[in-house]
Amino acid sequence: MFTNVSVFNLLIAAIGGASFGIVFRIPYRYFLHVVLLAMVAKLGVDVISQKANVGFATFVSTFIVGAISHVFARATGKPAQAFLIPGVMFLVPGTSLYKSFAGAMTADYQAAMALLVQAIIVTVSISFALLLANWVVPSKKTL
């Protein structure tokens, strides 16, 4: 049904989410939350990008991850960033920026600009989705 979605991609997302959880020193009892958010982020981008562009797919996926992070934060009493940052790390366009820079260094300016524009769109999508998620599901302190 979904050609880009595979069990391997979800497994890699789970391992990556756990790895970012270790790097950011998330308590072990919350690792399942972090892994789940990483898998949701990867699954969201893979599924939505089949029907829409990458910017919109990233926006929707980041919004879902942001909203779930705030729900987890309320349930556990931890800050939302403890769940949000490892989940959103998969959506950051690092590869596009690297390929854009490499294309500029090899004088492939057309491809470099296309990748740079895509990376900027994804970055702005992440920012706006996080702002919207903070507005829709506010933190406990603002209630």
N, C-alpha and C. Protein backbone atom coordinates (compact mmCIF):
# COMPACT_ATOMS: atom_id res chain seq x y z
N MET A 1 0.83 -1.19 0.00
CA MET A 1 0.00 0.00 0.00
C MET A 1 0.87 1.25 0.00
N PHE A 2 1.73 1.41 1.00
CA PHE A 2 2.63 2.55 1.05
C PHE A 2 4.01 2.07 0.63
N THR A 3 4.51 2.60 -0.46
CA THR A 3 5.75 2.09 -1.01
C THR A 3 6.98 2.54 -0.23
N ASN A 4 6.96 3.75 0.32
CA ASN A 4 8.13 4.26 1.04
C ASN A 4 8.21 3.81 2.48
N VAL A 5 7.15 3.23 3.00
CA VAL A 5 7.10 2.83 4.40
C VAL A 5 7.54 1.38 4.51
N SER A 6 8.53 1.14 5.34
CA SER A 6 8.96 -0.23 5.55
C SER A 6 9.26 -0.44 7.02
N VAL A 7 9.29 -1.68 7.40
CA VAL A 7 9.61 -2.03 8.78
C VAL A 7 11.05 -1.61 9.09
N PHE A 8 11.92 -1.70 8.11
CA PHE A 8 13.32 -1.30 8.30
C PHE A 8 13.41 0.18 8.64
N ASN A 9 12.67 1.03 7.94
CA ASN A 9 12.68 2.47 8.23
C ASN A 9 12.19 2.74 9.65
N LEU A 10 11.15 2.04 10.08
CA LEU A 10 10.64 2.25 11.43
C LEU A 10 11.62 1.73 12.48
N LEU A 11 12.31 0.63 12.17
CA LEU A 11 13.32 0.11 13.08
C LEU A 11 14.48 1.09 13.23
N ILE A 12 14.92 1.65 12.11
CA ILE A 12 15.99 2.66 12.15
C ILE A 12 15.53 3.89 12.93
N ALA A 13 14.28 4.30 12.75
CA ALA A 13 13.75 5.44 13.50
C ALA A 13 13.72 5.13 15.00
N ALA A 14 13.36 3.91 15.35
CA ALA A 14 13.34 3.53 16.77
C ALA A 14 14.75 3.54 17.36
N ILE A 15 15.71 3.01 16.63
CA ILE A 15 17.10 3.01 17.10
C ILE A 15 17.62 4.44 17.20
N GLY A 16 17.31 5.25 16.20
CA GLY A 16 17.73 6.64 16.24
C GLY A 16 17.10 7.41 17.37
N GLY A 17 15.81 7.18 17.61
CA GLY A 17 15.14 7.85 18.72
C GLY A 17 15.74 7.47 20.06
N ALA A 18 16.05 6.18 20.22
CA ALA A 18 16.71 5.74 21.45
C ALA A 18 18.10 6.36 21.57
N SER A 19 18.80 6.47 20.46
CA SER A 19 20.13 7.07 20.48
C SER A 19 20.07 8.54 20.88
N PHE A 20 19.13 9.27 20.30
CA PHE A 20 18.98 10.67 20.69
C PHE A 20 18.53 10.78 22.15
N GLY A 21 17.74 9.82 22.61
CA GLY A 21 17.35 9.80 24.02
C GLY A 21 18.55 9.65 24.93
N ILE A 22 19.51 8.83 24.52
CA ILE A 22 20.74 8.67 25.30
C ILE A 22 21.56 9.95 25.26
N VAL A 23 21.70 10.53 24.07
CA VAL A 23 22.49 11.75 23.92
C VAL A 23 21.92 12.89 24.78
N PHE A 24 20.60 13.01 24.79
CA PHE A 24 19.96 14.08 25.54
C PHE A 24 19.63 13.69 26.98
N ARG A 25 20.11 12.52 27.42
CA ARG A 25 19.97 12.04 28.78
C ARG A 25 18.52 11.97 29.26
N ILE A 26 17.69 11.39 28.43
CA ILE A 26 16.30 11.18 28.79
C ILE A 26 16.26 10.01 29.79
N PRO A 27 15.50 10.10 30.87
CA PRO A 27 15.40 8.96 31.80
C PRO A 27 14.87 7.71 31.07
N TYR A 28 15.38 6.57 31.47
CA TYR A 28 15.06 5.33 30.75
C TYR A 28 13.58 4.99 30.77
N ARG A 29 12.87 5.43 31.79
CA ARG A 29 11.44 5.10 31.82
C ARG A 29 10.65 5.85 30.76
N TYR A 30 11.26 6.88 30.13
CA TYR A 30 10.59 7.62 29.07
C TYR A 30 11.12 7.28 27.68
N PHE A 31 11.97 6.27 27.59
CA PHE A 31 12.51 5.91 26.29
C PHE A 31 11.43 5.44 25.32
N LEU A 32 10.43 4.74 25.81
CA LEU A 32 9.35 4.29 24.93
C LEU A 32 8.63 5.49 24.31
N HIS A 33 8.45 6.55 25.08
CA HIS A 33 7.82 7.77 24.55
C HIS A 33 8.66 8.37 23.42
N VAL A 34 9.96 8.46 23.66
CA VAL A 34 10.86 9.06 22.68
C VAL A 34 10.92 8.21 21.41
N VAL A 35 11.01 6.91 21.57
CA VAL A 35 11.06 6.01 20.42
C VAL A 35 9.76 6.09 19.63
N LEU A 36 8.64 6.15 20.32
CA LEU A 36 7.34 6.27 19.65
C LEU A 36 7.26 7.56 18.84
N LEU A 37 7.72 8.66 19.41
CA LEU A 37 7.69 9.93 18.68
C LEU A 37 8.61 9.92 17.46
N ALA A 38 9.76 9.30 17.58
CA ALA A 38 10.66 9.19 16.44
C ALA A 38 10.02 8.37 15.32
N MET A 39 9.35 7.30 15.69
CA MET A 39 8.67 6.48 14.68
C MET A 39 7.50 7.22 14.06
N VAL A 40 6.78 7.99 14.85
CA VAL A 40 5.67 8.79 14.31
C VAL A 40 6.19 9.83 13.33
N ALA A 41 7.31 10.47 13.67
CA ALA A 41 7.90 11.47 12.78
C ALA A 41 8.29 10.85 11.44
N LYS A 42 8.98 9.72 11.49
CA LYS A 42 9.43 9.07 10.26
C LYS A 42 8.24 8.55 9.46
N LEU A 43 7.30 7.92 10.12
CA LEU A 43 6.12 7.40 9.43
C LEU A 43 5.30 8.52 8.81
N GLY A 44 5.15 9.63 9.55
CA GLY A 44 4.38 10.75 9.04
C GLY A 44 4.97 11.33 7.77
N VAL A 45 6.28 11.55 7.77
CA VAL A 45 6.92 12.11 6.57
C VAL A 45 6.85 11.13 5.41
N ASP A 46 7.09 9.85 5.67
CA ASP A 46 7.06 8.86 4.60
C ASP A 46 5.68 8.74 3.97
N VAL A 47 4.64 8.71 4.78
CA VAL A 47 3.28 8.52 4.26
C VAL A 47 2.76 9.78 3.58
N ILE A 48 2.92 10.92 4.23
CA ILE A 48 2.35 12.16 3.69
C ILE A 48 3.09 12.63 2.45
N SER A 49 4.40 12.39 2.38
CA SER A 49 5.16 12.86 1.22
C SER A 49 4.84 12.08 -0.05
N GLN A 50 4.12 10.98 0.07
CA GLN A 50 3.68 10.27 -1.13
C GLN A 50 2.57 11.02 -1.86
N LYS A 51 1.79 11.80 -1.12
CA LYS A 51 0.67 12.52 -1.73
C LYS A 51 0.88 14.03 -1.79
N ALA A 52 1.83 14.55 -1.00
CA ALA A 52 2.07 15.99 -0.96
C ALA A 52 3.56 16.25 -1.00
N ASN A 53 3.93 17.53 -1.05
CA ASN A 53 5.35 17.86 -1.10
C ASN A 53 6.00 17.67 0.27
N VAL A 54 7.32 17.69 0.30
CA VAL A 54 8.06 17.40 1.52
C VAL A 54 7.83 18.47 2.59
N GLY A 55 7.66 19.72 2.19
CA GLY A 55 7.42 20.79 3.15
C GLY A 55 6.13 20.58 3.92
N PHE A 56 5.06 20.24 3.22
CA PHE A 56 3.78 19.99 3.88
C PHE A 56 3.85 18.73 4.74
N ALA A 57 4.51 17.70 4.24
CA ALA A 57 4.65 16.46 5.00
C ALA A 57 5.42 16.71 6.29
N THR A 58 6.45 17.52 6.21
CA THR A 58 7.23 17.85 7.40
C THR A 58 6.40 18.68 8.37
N PHE A 59 5.62 19.61 7.84
CA PHE A 59 4.76 20.45 8.69
C PHE A 59 3.78 19.59 9.48
N VAL A 60 3.08 18.72 8.80
CA VAL A 60 2.07 17.89 9.46
C VAL A 60 2.72 16.94 10.47
N SER A 61 3.81 16.32 10.06
CA SER A 61 4.50 15.39 10.95
C SER A 61 5.05 16.10 12.19
N THR A 62 5.62 17.28 12.02
CA THR A 62 6.14 18.04 13.15
C THR A 62 5.01 18.49 14.06
N PHE A 63 3.90 18.88 13.49
CA PHE A 63 2.76 19.29 14.31
C PHE A 63 2.27 18.12 15.16
N ILE A 64 2.17 16.94 14.56
CA ILE A 64 1.71 15.76 15.31
C ILE A 64 2.70 15.43 16.42
N VAL A 65 3.99 15.43 16.11
CA VAL A 65 5.01 15.14 17.12
C VAL A 65 4.99 16.19 18.22
N GLY A 66 4.82 17.46 17.87
CA GLY A 66 4.76 18.51 18.88
C GLY A 66 3.56 18.38 19.79
N ALA A 67 2.41 18.08 19.22
CA ALA A 67 1.20 17.93 20.03
C ALA A 67 1.32 16.72 20.96
N ILE A 68 1.81 15.61 20.44
CA ILE A 68 1.98 14.42 21.28
C ILE A 68 3.02 14.67 22.37
N SER A 69 4.05 15.43 22.06
CA SER A 69 5.07 15.75 23.07
C SER A 69 4.47 16.53 24.23
N HIS A 70 3.58 17.46 23.93
CA HIS A 70 2.94 18.22 25.00
C HIS A 70 2.00 17.34 25.83
N VAL A 71 1.35 16.40 25.17
CA VAL A 71 0.49 15.47 25.91
C VAL A 71 1.34 14.58 26.82
N PHE A 72 2.46 14.06 26.30
CA PHE A 72 3.37 13.27 27.13
C PHE A 72 3.93 14.09 28.28
N ALA A 73 4.22 15.35 28.03
CA ALA A 73 4.76 16.21 29.08
C ALA A 73 3.75 16.41 30.20
N ARG A 74 2.50 16.58 29.85
CA ARG A 74 1.47 16.72 30.88
C ARG A 74 1.30 15.44 31.67
N ALA A 75 1.38 14.29 30.97
CA ALA A 75 1.17 13.01 31.65
C ALA A 75 2.33 12.64 32.57
N THR A 76 3.54 13.02 32.20
CA THR A 76 4.72 12.60 32.96
C THR A 76 5.27 13.67 33.89
N GLY A 77 4.91 14.91 33.69
CA GLY A 77 5.45 16.00 34.49
C GLY A 77 6.82 16.47 34.03
N LYS A 78 7.31 15.95 32.94
CA LYS A 78 8.60 16.37 32.36
C LYS A 78 8.35 17.50 31.38
N PRO A 79 9.39 18.27 31.03
CA PRO A 79 9.21 19.30 30.01
C PRO A 79 8.96 18.69 28.63
N ALA A 80 8.20 19.38 27.82
CA ALA A 80 7.87 18.86 26.49
C ALA A 80 9.10 18.70 25.62
N GLN A 81 10.12 19.51 25.85
CA GLN A 81 11.33 19.44 25.04
C GLN A 81 12.04 18.11 25.21
N ALA A 82 11.86 17.44 26.35
CA ALA A 82 12.48 16.14 26.57
C ALA A 82 11.98 15.12 25.56
N PHE A 83 10.75 15.26 25.11
CA PHE A 83 10.19 14.35 24.11
C PHE A 83 10.27 14.94 22.71
N LEU A 84 10.17 16.25 22.64
CA LEU A 84 10.08 16.93 21.35
C LEU A 84 11.39 16.90 20.57
N ILE A 85 12.49 17.20 21.22
CA ILE A 85 13.76 17.32 20.50
C ILE A 85 14.19 16.00 19.86
N PRO A 86 14.18 14.88 20.58
CA PRO A 86 14.56 13.62 19.90
C PRO A 86 13.59 13.23 18.78
N GLY A 87 12.32 13.62 18.91
CA GLY A 87 11.36 13.28 17.86
C GLY A 87 11.52 14.12 16.61
N VAL A 88 11.89 15.38 16.78
CA VAL A 88 11.99 16.29 15.65
C VAL A 88 13.35 16.18 14.94
N MET A 89 14.32 15.59 15.60
CA MET A 89 15.66 15.49 15.01
C MET A 89 15.65 14.77 13.66
N PHE A 90 14.72 13.87 13.45
CA PHE A 90 14.64 13.15 12.18
C PHE A 90 14.13 14.02 11.05
N LEU A 91 13.52 15.12 11.38
CA LEU A 91 12.91 15.97 10.37
C LEU A 91 13.81 17.11 9.92
N VAL A 92 14.91 17.33 10.63
CA VAL A 92 15.83 18.41 10.30
C VAL A 92 16.53 18.10 8.97
N PRO A 93 16.57 19.05 8.04
CA PRO A 93 17.08 18.76 6.69
C PRO A 93 18.60 18.83 6.57
N GLY A 94 19.31 18.08 7.37
CA GLY A 94 20.77 18.11 7.33
C GLY A 94 21.34 17.58 6.04
N THR A 95 20.76 16.50 5.53
CA THR A 95 21.27 15.92 4.29
C THR A 95 21.08 16.86 3.11
N SER A 96 19.94 17.53 3.05
CA SER A 96 19.70 18.48 1.96
C SER A 96 20.68 19.64 2.00
N LEU A 97 20.97 20.13 3.20
CA LEU A 97 21.94 21.22 3.31
C LEU A 97 23.34 20.77 2.91
N TYR A 98 23.70 19.56 3.33
CA TYR A 98 25.02 19.03 2.96
C TYR A 98 25.14 18.86 1.45
N LYS A 99 24.11 18.25 0.84
CA LYS A 99 24.15 18.04 -0.61
C LYS A 99 24.12 19.38 -1.37
N SER A 100 23.43 20.37 -0.83
CA SER A 100 23.41 21.68 -1.44
C SER A 100 24.80 22.31 -1.42
N PHE A 101 25.46 22.21 -0.28
CA PHE A 101 26.81 22.76 -0.17
C PHE A 101 27.77 22.00 -1.08
N ALA A 102 27.64 20.67 -1.12
CA ALA A 102 28.52 19.87 -1.99
C ALA A 102 28.27 20.21 -3.46
N GLY A 103 27.01 20.44 -3.84
CA GLY A 103 26.71 20.82 -5.21
C GLY A 103 27.28 22.18 -5.57
N ALA A 104 27.26 23.10 -4.62
CA ALA A 104 27.83 24.42 -4.87
C ALA A 104 29.35 24.32 -5.03
N MET A 105 29.97 23.43 -4.29
CA MET A 105 31.43 23.27 -4.39
C MET A 105 31.86 22.58 -5.69
N THR A 106 30.97 21.79 -6.27
CA THR A 106 31.28 21.12 -7.54
C THR A 106 30.69 21.84 -8.73
N ALA A 107 30.23 23.06 -8.53
CA ALA A 107 29.69 23.93 -9.58
C ALA A 107 28.39 23.40 -10.20
N ASP A 108 27.63 22.60 -9.46
CA ASP A 108 26.31 22.17 -9.89
C ASP A 108 25.29 23.09 -9.21
N TYR A 109 25.25 24.34 -9.66
CA TYR A 109 24.51 25.38 -8.97
C TYR A 109 23.00 25.19 -9.02
N GLN A 110 22.49 24.64 -10.10
CA GLN A 110 21.05 24.45 -10.22
C GLN A 110 20.55 23.43 -9.19
N ALA A 111 21.23 22.31 -9.08
CA ALA A 111 20.84 21.30 -8.09
C ALA A 111 21.06 21.82 -6.67
N ALA A 112 22.14 22.57 -6.48
CA ALA A 112 22.44 23.11 -5.16
C ALA A 112 21.34 24.08 -4.71
N MET A 113 20.89 24.93 -5.60
CA MET A 113 19.83 25.88 -5.24
C MET A 113 18.50 25.18 -4.97
N ALA A 114 18.20 24.15 -5.76
CA ALA A 114 16.96 23.40 -5.55
C ALA A 114 16.97 22.74 -4.17
N LEU A 115 18.08 22.14 -3.80
CA LEU A 115 18.18 21.50 -2.49
C LEU A 115 18.17 22.53 -1.36
N LEU A 116 18.79 23.68 -1.59
CA LEU A 116 18.80 24.72 -0.57
C LEU A 116 17.39 25.26 -0.33
N VAL A 117 16.65 25.48 -1.39
CA VAL A 117 15.27 25.96 -1.25
C VAL A 117 14.42 24.92 -0.53
N GLN A 118 14.60 23.65 -0.86
CA GLN A 118 13.86 22.59 -0.17
C GLN A 118 14.22 22.56 1.32
N ALA A 119 15.49 22.72 1.64
CA ALA A 119 15.91 22.72 3.05
C ALA A 119 15.32 23.91 3.80
N ILE A 120 15.26 25.05 3.16
CA ILE A 120 14.68 26.23 3.80
C ILE A 120 13.18 26.03 4.02
N ILE A 121 12.50 25.46 3.05
CA ILE A 121 11.06 25.20 3.20
C ILE A 121 10.82 24.24 4.35
N VAL A 122 11.62 23.18 4.45
CA VAL A 122 11.45 22.21 5.53
C VAL A 122 11.74 22.86 6.88
N THR A 123 12.77 23.69 6.95
CA THR A 123 13.12 24.36 8.21
C THR A 123 12.00 25.30 8.66
N VAL A 124 11.46 26.06 7.74
CA VAL A 124 10.35 26.96 8.08
C VAL A 124 9.11 26.16 8.47
N SER A 125 8.88 25.04 7.80
CA SER A 125 7.74 24.18 8.15
C SER A 125 7.87 23.65 9.57
N ILE A 126 9.07 23.25 9.96
CA ILE A 126 9.29 22.77 11.33
C ILE A 126 9.00 23.88 12.33
N SER A 127 9.49 25.07 12.05
CA SER A 127 9.30 26.20 12.98
C SER A 127 7.82 26.53 13.16
N PHE A 128 7.11 26.65 12.05
CA PHE A 128 5.69 27.01 12.15
C PHE A 128 4.86 25.90 12.78
N ALA A 129 5.20 24.65 12.50
CA ALA A 129 4.45 23.54 13.09
C ALA A 129 4.66 23.48 14.59
N LEU A 130 5.86 23.76 15.06
CA LEU A 130 6.11 23.77 16.51
C LEU A 130 5.36 24.92 17.18
N LEU A 131 5.32 26.08 16.53
CA LEU A 131 4.55 27.19 17.08
C LEU A 131 3.07 26.85 17.15
N LEU A 132 2.55 26.23 16.11
CA LEU A 132 1.14 25.86 16.10
C LEU A 132 0.84 24.78 17.14
N ALA A 133 1.72 23.82 17.29
CA ALA A 133 1.52 22.77 18.30
C ALA A 133 1.54 23.36 19.71
N ASN A 134 2.41 24.34 19.95
CA ASN A 134 2.43 25.01 21.26
C ASN A 134 1.16 25.79 21.51
N TRP A 135 0.55 26.28 20.45
CA TRP A 135 -0.69 27.04 20.61
C TRP A 135 -1.89 26.12 20.80
N VAL A 136 -1.93 25.03 20.06
CA VAL A 136 -3.07 24.11 20.14
C VAL A 136 -3.05 23.32 21.45
N VAL A 137 -1.88 22.82 21.85
CA VAL A 137 -1.75 22.07 23.09
C VAL A 137 -0.75 22.83 23.97
N PRO A 138 -1.22 23.82 24.71
CA PRO A 138 -0.28 24.65 25.49
C PRO A 138 0.33 23.87 26.65
N SER A 139 1.42 24.39 27.15
CA SER A 139 2.07 23.74 28.28
C SER A 139 1.25 23.93 29.54
N LYS A 140 1.58 23.16 30.56
CA LYS A 140 0.81 23.19 31.79
C LYS A 140 0.91 24.54 32.51
N LYS A 141 2.03 25.23 32.35
CA LYS A 141 2.23 26.50 33.04
C LYS A 141 1.33 27.61 32.50
N THR A 142 0.96 27.52 31.21
CA THR A 142 0.14 28.59 30.63
C THR A 142 -1.34 28.39 30.86
N LEU A 143 -1.73 27.26 31.41
CA LEU A 143 -3.16 27.02 31.63
C LEU A 143 -3.67 27.68 32.87
